[in-house]
PDB file of N, CA and C in Angstrom:
ATOM      1  N   UNK A   1     100.620  58.573 126.988  1.00  0.00           N
ATOM      2  CA  UNK A   1     100.036  58.541 128.318  1.00  0.00           C
ATOM      3  C   UNK A   1     100.729  57.497 129.181  1.00  0.00           C
ATOM      4  N   UNK A   2     100.964  57.813 130.426  1.00  0.00           N
ATOM      5  CA  UNK A   2     101.622  56.862 131.336  1.00  0.00           C
ATOM      6  C   UNK A   2     100.673  56.468 132.421  1.00  0.00           C
ATOM      7  N   UNK A   3     100.853  55.265 132.889  1.00  0.00           N
ATOM      8  CA  UNK A   3     100.109  54.716 134.020  1.00  0.00           C
ATOM      9  C   UNK A   3     101.112  54.248 135.053  1.00  0.00           C
ATOM     10  N   UNK A   4     100.624  53.909 136.215  1.00  0.00           N
ATOM     11  CA  UNK A   4     101.497  53.336 137.250  1.00  0.00           C
ATOM     12  C   UNK A   4     101.052  51.941 137.611  1.00  0.00           C
ATOM     13  N   UNK A   5     102.055  51.103 137.902  1.00  0.00           N
ATOM     14  CA  UNK A   5     101.833  49.788 138.512  1.00  0.00           C
ATOM     15  C   UNK A   5     102.503  49.791 139.851  1.00  0.00           C
ATOM     16  N   UNK A   6     101.955  49.016 140.764  1.00  0.00           N
ATOM     17  CA  UNK A   6     102.476  49.024 142.131  1.00  0.00           C
ATOM     18  C   UNK A   6     102.872  47.595 142.544  1.00  0.00           C
ATOM     19  N   UNK A   7     103.907  47.532 143.337  1.00  0.00           N
ATOM     20  CA  UNK A   7     104.476  46.278 143.834  1.00  0.00           C
ATOM     21  C   UNK A   7     104.662  46.406 145.350  1.00  0.00           C
ATOM     22  N   UNK A   8     104.506  45.316 146.054  1.00  0.00           N
ATOM     23  CA  UNK A   8     104.837  45.278 147.466  1.00  0.00           C
ATOM     24  C   UNK A   8     106.151  44.481 147.577  1.00  0.00           C
ATOM     25  N   UNK A   9     107.169  45.106 148.136  1.00  0.00           N
ATOM     26  CA  UNK A   9     108.487  44.489 148.181  1.00  0.00           C
ATOM     27  C   UNK A   9     109.049  44.594 149.626  1.00  0.00           C
ATOM     28  N   UNK A  10     109.927  43.678 149.950  1.00  0.00           N
ATOM     29  CA  UNK A  10     110.543  43.693 151.272  1.00  0.00           C
ATOM     30  C   UNK A  10     110.824  42.286 151.717  1.00  0.00           C
ATOM     31  N   UNK A  11     110.759  42.092 153.034  1.00  0.00           N
ATOM     32  CA  UNK A  11     110.995  40.757 153.595  1.00  0.00           C
ATOM     33  C   UNK A  11     111.714  40.814 154.901  1.00  0.00           C
ATOM     34  N   UNK A  12     112.483  39.773 155.171  1.00  0.00           N
ATOM     35  CA  UNK A  12     113.192  39.614 156.432  1.00  0.00           C
ATOM     36  C   UNK A  12     114.642  40.088 156.229  1.00  0.00           C
ATOM     37  N   UNK A  13     115.022  41.109 156.937  1.00  0.00           N
ATOM     38  CA  UNK A  13     116.387  41.691 156.818  1.00  0.00           C
ATOM     39  C   UNK A  13     117.325  41.064 157.866  1.00  0.00           C
ATOM     40  N   UNK A  14     118.612  41.289 157.621  1.00  0.00           N
ATOM     41  CA  UNK A  14     119.646  40.694 158.496  1.00  0.00           C
ATOM     42  C   UNK A  14     119.784  41.444 159.838  1.00  0.00           C
ATOM     43  N   UNK A  15     119.351  42.707 159.859  1.00  0.00           N
ATOM     44  CA  UNK A  15     119.499  43.528 161.075  1.00  0.00           C
ATOM     45  C   UNK A  15     118.441  44.629 161.079  1.00  0.00           C
ATOM     46  N   UNK A  16     118.391  45.364 162.176  1.00  0.00           N
ATOM     47  CA  UNK A  16     117.426  46.440 162.341  1.00  0.00           C
ATOM     48  C   UNK A  16     117.777  47.695 161.518  1.00  0.00           C
ATOM     49  N   UNK A  17     118.895  47.688 160.842  1.00  0.00           N
ATOM     50  CA  UNK A  17     119.231  48.811 159.976  1.00  0.00           C
ATOM     51  C   UNK A  17     118.630  48.626 158.579  1.00  0.00           C
ATOM     52  N   UNK A  18     118.041  47.485 158.295  1.00  0.00           N
ATOM     53  CA  UNK A  18     117.320  47.149 157.058  1.00  0.00           C
ATOM     54  C   UNK A  18     118.150  47.445 155.809  1.00  0.00           C
ATOM     55  N   UNK A  19     119.436  47.030 155.844  1.00  0.00           N
ATOM     56  CA  UNK A  19     120.319  47.266 154.727  1.00  0.00           C
ATOM     57  C   UNK A  19     120.390  46.099 153.750  1.00  0.00           C
ATOM     58  N   UNK A  20     120.276  44.882 154.249  1.00  0.00           N
ATOM     59  CA  UNK A  20     120.301  43.720 153.354  1.00  0.00           C
ATOM     60  C   UNK A  20     119.361  42.644 153.815  1.00  0.00           C
ATOM     61  N   UNK A  21     118.731  42.021 152.840  1.00  0.00           N
ATOM     62  CA  UNK A  21     117.777  40.929 153.127  1.00  0.00           C
ATOM     63  C   UNK A  21     118.499  39.609 153.424  1.00  0.00           C
ATOM     64  N   UNK A  22     117.919  38.822 154.276  1.00  0.00           N
ATOM     65  CA  UNK A  22     118.425  37.463 154.520  1.00  0.00           C
ATOM     66  C   UNK A  22     118.288  36.656 153.237  1.00  0.00           C
ATOM     67  N   UNK A  23     119.196  35.696 153.035  1.00  0.00           N
ATOM     68  CA  UNK A  23     119.085  34.812 151.884  1.00  0.00           C
ATOM     69  C   UNK A  23     117.742  34.119 151.950  1.00  0.00           C
ATOM     70  N   UNK A  24     117.000  34.189 150.864  1.00  0.00           N
ATOM     71  CA  UNK A  24     115.676  33.565 150.794  1.00  0.00           C
ATOM     72  C   UNK A  24     114.604  34.368 151.519  1.00  0.00           C
ATOM     73  N   UNK A  25     114.945  35.533 152.024  1.00  0.00           N
ATOM     74  CA  UNK A  25     113.978  36.330 152.814  1.00  0.00           C
ATOM     75  C   UNK A  25     113.218  37.406 152.074  1.00  0.00           C
ATOM     76  N   UNK A  26     113.439  37.448 150.730  1.00  0.00           N
ATOM     77  CA  UNK A  26     112.799  38.552 149.999  1.00  0.00           C
ATOM     78  C   UNK A  26     111.372  38.163 149.529  1.00  0.00           C
ATOM     79  N   UNK A  27     110.558  39.176 149.444  1.00  0.00           N
ATOM     80  CA  UNK A  27     109.184  39.027 148.959  1.00  0.00           C
ATOM     81  C   UNK A  27     108.883  40.127 147.962  1.00  0.00           C
ATOM     82  N   UNK A  28     108.280  39.707 146.841  1.00  0.00           N
ATOM     83  CA  UNK A  28     107.818  40.657 145.824  1.00  0.00           C
ATOM     84  C   UNK A  28     106.412  40.197 145.421  1.00  0.00           C
ATOM     85  N   UNK A  29     105.441  41.082 145.589  1.00  0.00           N
ATOM     86  CA  UNK A  29     104.058  40.730 145.230  1.00  0.00           C
ATOM     87  C   UNK A  29     103.515  41.807 144.297  1.00  0.00           C
ATOM     88  N   UNK A  30     102.862  41.384 143.227  1.00  0.00           N
ATOM     89  CA  UNK A  30     102.306  42.314 142.281  1.00  0.00           C
ATOM     90  C   UNK A  30     102.492  41.809 140.872  1.00  0.00           C
ATOM     91  N   UNK A  31     102.181  42.617 139.936  1.00  0.00           N
ATOM     92  CA  UNK A  31     101.836  44.029 140.024  1.00  0.00           C
ATOM     93  C   UNK A  31     100.355  44.241 140.350  1.00  0.00           C
ATOM     94  N   UNK A  32     100.105  45.441 140.899  1.00  0.00           N
ATOM     95  CA  UNK A  32      98.732  45.868 141.185  1.00  0.00           C
ATOM     96  C   UNK A  32      98.495  47.114 140.357  1.00  0.00           C
ATOM     97  N   UNK A  33      97.341  47.191 139.725  1.00  0.00           N
ATOM     98  CA  UNK A  33      96.981  48.341 138.900  1.00  0.00           C
ATOM     99  C   UNK A  33      96.522  49.521 139.747  1.00  0.00           C
ATOM    100  N   UNK A  34      96.194  49.257 141.007  1.00  0.00           N
ATOM    101  CA  UNK A  34      95.607  50.247 141.868  1.00  0.00           C
ATOM    102  C   UNK A  34      96.377  50.309 143.186  1.00  0.00           C
ATOM    103  N   UNK A  35      96.737  51.517 143.642  1.00  0.00           N
ATOM    104  CA  UNK A  35      97.489  51.671 144.881  1.00  0.00           C
ATOM    105  C   UNK A  35      96.753  51.084 146.096  1.00  0.00           C
ATOM    106  N   UNK A  36      95.409  51.203 146.100  1.00  0.00           N
ATOM    107  CA  UNK A  36      94.645  50.667 147.195  1.00  0.00           C
ATOM    108  C   UNK A  36      94.802  49.148 147.326  1.00  0.00           C
ATOM    109  N   UNK A  37      94.855  48.467 146.191  1.00  0.00           N
ATOM    110  CA  UNK A  37      95.069  46.990 146.237  1.00  0.00           C
ATOM    111  C   UNK A  37      96.472  46.690 146.790  1.00  0.00           C
ATOM    112  N   UNK A  38      97.465  47.439 146.342  1.00  0.00           N
ATOM    113  CA  UNK A  38      98.815  47.247 146.890  1.00  0.00           C
ATOM    114  C   UNK A  38      98.857  47.516 148.369  1.00  0.00           C
ATOM    115  N   UNK A  39      98.173  48.569 148.800  1.00  0.00           N
ATOM    116  CA  UNK A  39      98.182  48.885 150.235  1.00  0.00           C
ATOM    117  C   UNK A  39      97.483  47.789 151.038  1.00  0.00           C
ATOM    118  N   UNK A  40      96.444  47.203 150.533  1.00  0.00           N
ATOM    119  CA  UNK A  40      95.786  46.104 151.250  1.00  0.00           C
ATOM    120  C   UNK A  40      96.753  44.899 151.394  1.00  0.00           C
ATOM    121  N   UNK A  41      97.505  44.593 150.356  1.00  0.00           N
ATOM    122  CA  UNK A  41      98.486  43.507 150.424  1.00  0.00           C
ATOM    123  C   UNK A  41      99.616  43.884 151.376  1.00  0.00           C
ATOM    124  N   UNK A  42     100.071  45.145 151.361  1.00  0.00           N
ATOM    125  CA  UNK A  42     101.119  45.611 152.280  1.00  0.00           C
ATOM    126  C   UNK A  42     100.652  45.416 153.724  1.00  0.00           C
ATOM    127  N   UNK A  43      99.399  45.779 154.037  1.00  0.00           N
ATOM    128  CA  UNK A  43      98.874  45.624 155.400  1.00  0.00           C
ATOM    129  C   UNK A  43      98.809  44.181 155.791  1.00  0.00           C
ATOM    130  N   UNK A  44      98.390  43.310 154.864  1.00  0.00           N
ATOM    131  CA  UNK A  44      98.317  41.870 155.143  1.00  0.00           C
ATOM    132  C   UNK A  44      99.709  41.311 155.460  1.00  0.00           C
ATOM    133  N   UNK A  45     100.694  41.604 154.618  1.00  0.00           N
ATOM    134  CA  UNK A  45     102.031  41.097 154.827  1.00  0.00           C
ATOM    135  C   UNK A  45     102.651  41.666 156.131  1.00  0.00           C
ATOM    136  N   UNK A  46     102.437  42.933 156.360  1.00  0.00           N
ATOM    137  CA  UNK A  46     102.965  43.573 157.568  1.00  0.00           C
ATOM    138  C   UNK A  46     102.384  42.950 158.806  1.00  0.00           C
ATOM    139  N   UNK A  47     101.091  42.628 158.803  1.00  0.00           N
ATOM    140  CA  UNK A  47     100.458  42.000 159.933  1.00  0.00           C
ATOM    141  C   UNK A  47     100.957  40.570 160.141  1.00  0.00           C
ATOM    142  N   UNK A  48     101.125  39.826 159.046  1.00  0.00           N
ATOM    143  CA  UNK A  48     101.647  38.472 159.138  1.00  0.00           C
ATOM    144  C   UNK A  48     103.043  38.407 159.754  1.00  0.00           C
ATOM    145  N   UNK A  49     103.852  39.438 159.549  1.00  0.00           N
ATOM    146  CA  UNK A  49     105.202  39.472 160.026  1.00  0.00           C
ATOM    147  C   UNK A  49     105.392  40.411 161.222  1.00  0.00           C
ATOM    148  N   UNK A  50     104.333  40.808 161.857  1.00  0.00           N
ATOM    149  CA  UNK A  50     104.353  41.800 162.917  1.00  0.00           C
ATOM    150  C   UNK A  50     105.272  41.417 164.080  1.00  0.00           C
ATOM    151  N   UNK A  51     105.398  40.159 164.365  1.00  0.00           N
ATOM    152  CA  UNK A  51     106.216  39.723 165.494  1.00  0.00           C
ATOM    153  C   UNK A  51     107.684  39.694 165.150  1.00  0.00           C
ATOM    154  N   UNK A  52     108.051  39.905 163.901  1.00  0.00           N
ATOM    155  CA  UNK A  52     109.482  39.908 163.470  1.00  0.00           C
ATOM    156  C   UNK A  52     109.989  41.331 163.349  1.00  0.00           C
ATOM    157  N   UNK A  53     110.851  41.735 164.236  1.00  0.00           N
ATOM    158  CA  UNK A  53     111.390  43.092 164.229  1.00  0.00           C
ATOM    159  C   UNK A  53     112.197  43.393 162.990  1.00  0.00           C
ATOM    160  N   UNK A  54     112.739  42.375 162.360  1.00  0.00           N
ATOM    161  CA  UNK A  54     113.611  42.591 161.208  1.00  0.00           C
ATOM    162  C   UNK A  54     112.858  42.480 159.875  1.00  0.00           C
ATOM    163  N   UNK A  55     111.545  42.444 159.886  1.00  0.00           N
ATOM    164  CA  UNK A  55     110.778  42.361 158.672  1.00  0.00           C
ATOM    165  C   UNK A  55     110.248  43.753 158.316  1.00  0.00           C
ATOM    166  N   UNK A  56     110.288  44.068 157.050  1.00  0.00           N
ATOM    167  CA  UNK A  56     109.817  45.369 156.592  1.00  0.00           C
ATOM    168  C   UNK A  56     109.333  45.230 155.164  1.00  0.00           C
ATOM    169  N   UNK A  57     108.260  45.902 154.859  1.00  0.00           N
ATOM    170  CA  UNK A  57     107.677  45.907 153.500  1.00  0.00           C
ATOM    171  C   UNK A  57     107.360  47.340 153.092  1.00  0.00           C
ATOM    172  N   UNK A  58     107.391  47.586 151.755  1.00  0.00           N
ATOM    173  CA  UNK A  58     107.048  48.890 151.283  1.00  0.00           C
ATOM    174  C   UNK A  58     106.351  48.752 149.924  1.00  0.00           C
ATOM    175  N   UNK A  59     105.725  49.820 149.499  1.00  0.00           N
ATOM    176  CA  UNK A  59     105.059  49.804 148.171  1.00  0.00           C
ATOM    177  C   UNK A  59     105.955  50.590 147.224  1.00  0.00           C
ATOM    178  N   UNK A  60     106.273  49.930 146.106  1.00  0.00           N
ATOM    179  CA  UNK A  60     107.099  50.580 145.049  1.00  0.00           C
ATOM    180  C   UNK A  60     106.171  50.786 143.842  1.00  0.00           C
ATOM    181  N   UNK A  61     106.443  51.795 143.056  1.00  0.00           N
ATOM    182  CA  UNK A  61     105.650  52.031 141.867  1.00  0.00           C
ATOM    183  C   UNK A  61     106.578  52.168 140.638  1.00  0.00           C
ATOM    184  N   UNK A  62     106.015  51.894 139.496  1.00  0.00           N
ATOM    185  CA  UNK A  62     106.740  52.066 138.260  1.00  0.00           C
ATOM    186  C   UNK A  62     105.809  52.750 137.221  1.00  0.00           C
ATOM    187  N   UNK A  63     106.371  53.567 136.422  1.00  0.00           N
ATOM    188  CA  UNK A  63     105.637  54.216 135.356  1.00  0.00           C
ATOM    189  C   UNK A  63     105.636  53.313 134.139  1.00  0.00           C
ATOM    190  N   UNK A  64     104.479  53.136 133.544  1.00  0.00           N
ATOM    191  CA  UNK A  64     104.415  52.328 132.285  1.00  0.00           C
ATOM    192  C   UNK A  64     103.675  53.154 131.236  1.00  0.00           C
ATOM    193  N   UNK A  65     104.012  52.934 130.025  1.00  0.00           N
ATOM    194  CA  UNK A  65     103.351  53.616 128.935  1.00  0.00           C
ATOM    195  C   UNK A  65     102.095  52.820 128.578  1.00  0.00           C
ATOM    196  N   UNK A  66     100.997  53.509 128.488  1.00  0.00           N
ATOM    197  CA  UNK A  66      99.751  52.820 128.195  1.00  0.00           C
ATOM    198  C   UNK A  66      99.353  53.060 126.748  1.00  0.00           C
TER     199      UNK A  66
END
């Protein structure tokens, strides 16, 4: 049986093309056992960085064997 864990990843990028993160600008939060928890953290981080056009966050998932 497999389960999923969720992570919120992203941060402050060097440009609006979002190809590379600034040095020291990366953020990784998690793991979360529930996607709703990860989404709540994603919303919080996105709101905190709302004024920064070069900040972006996403939810990543991984399969784990339970």
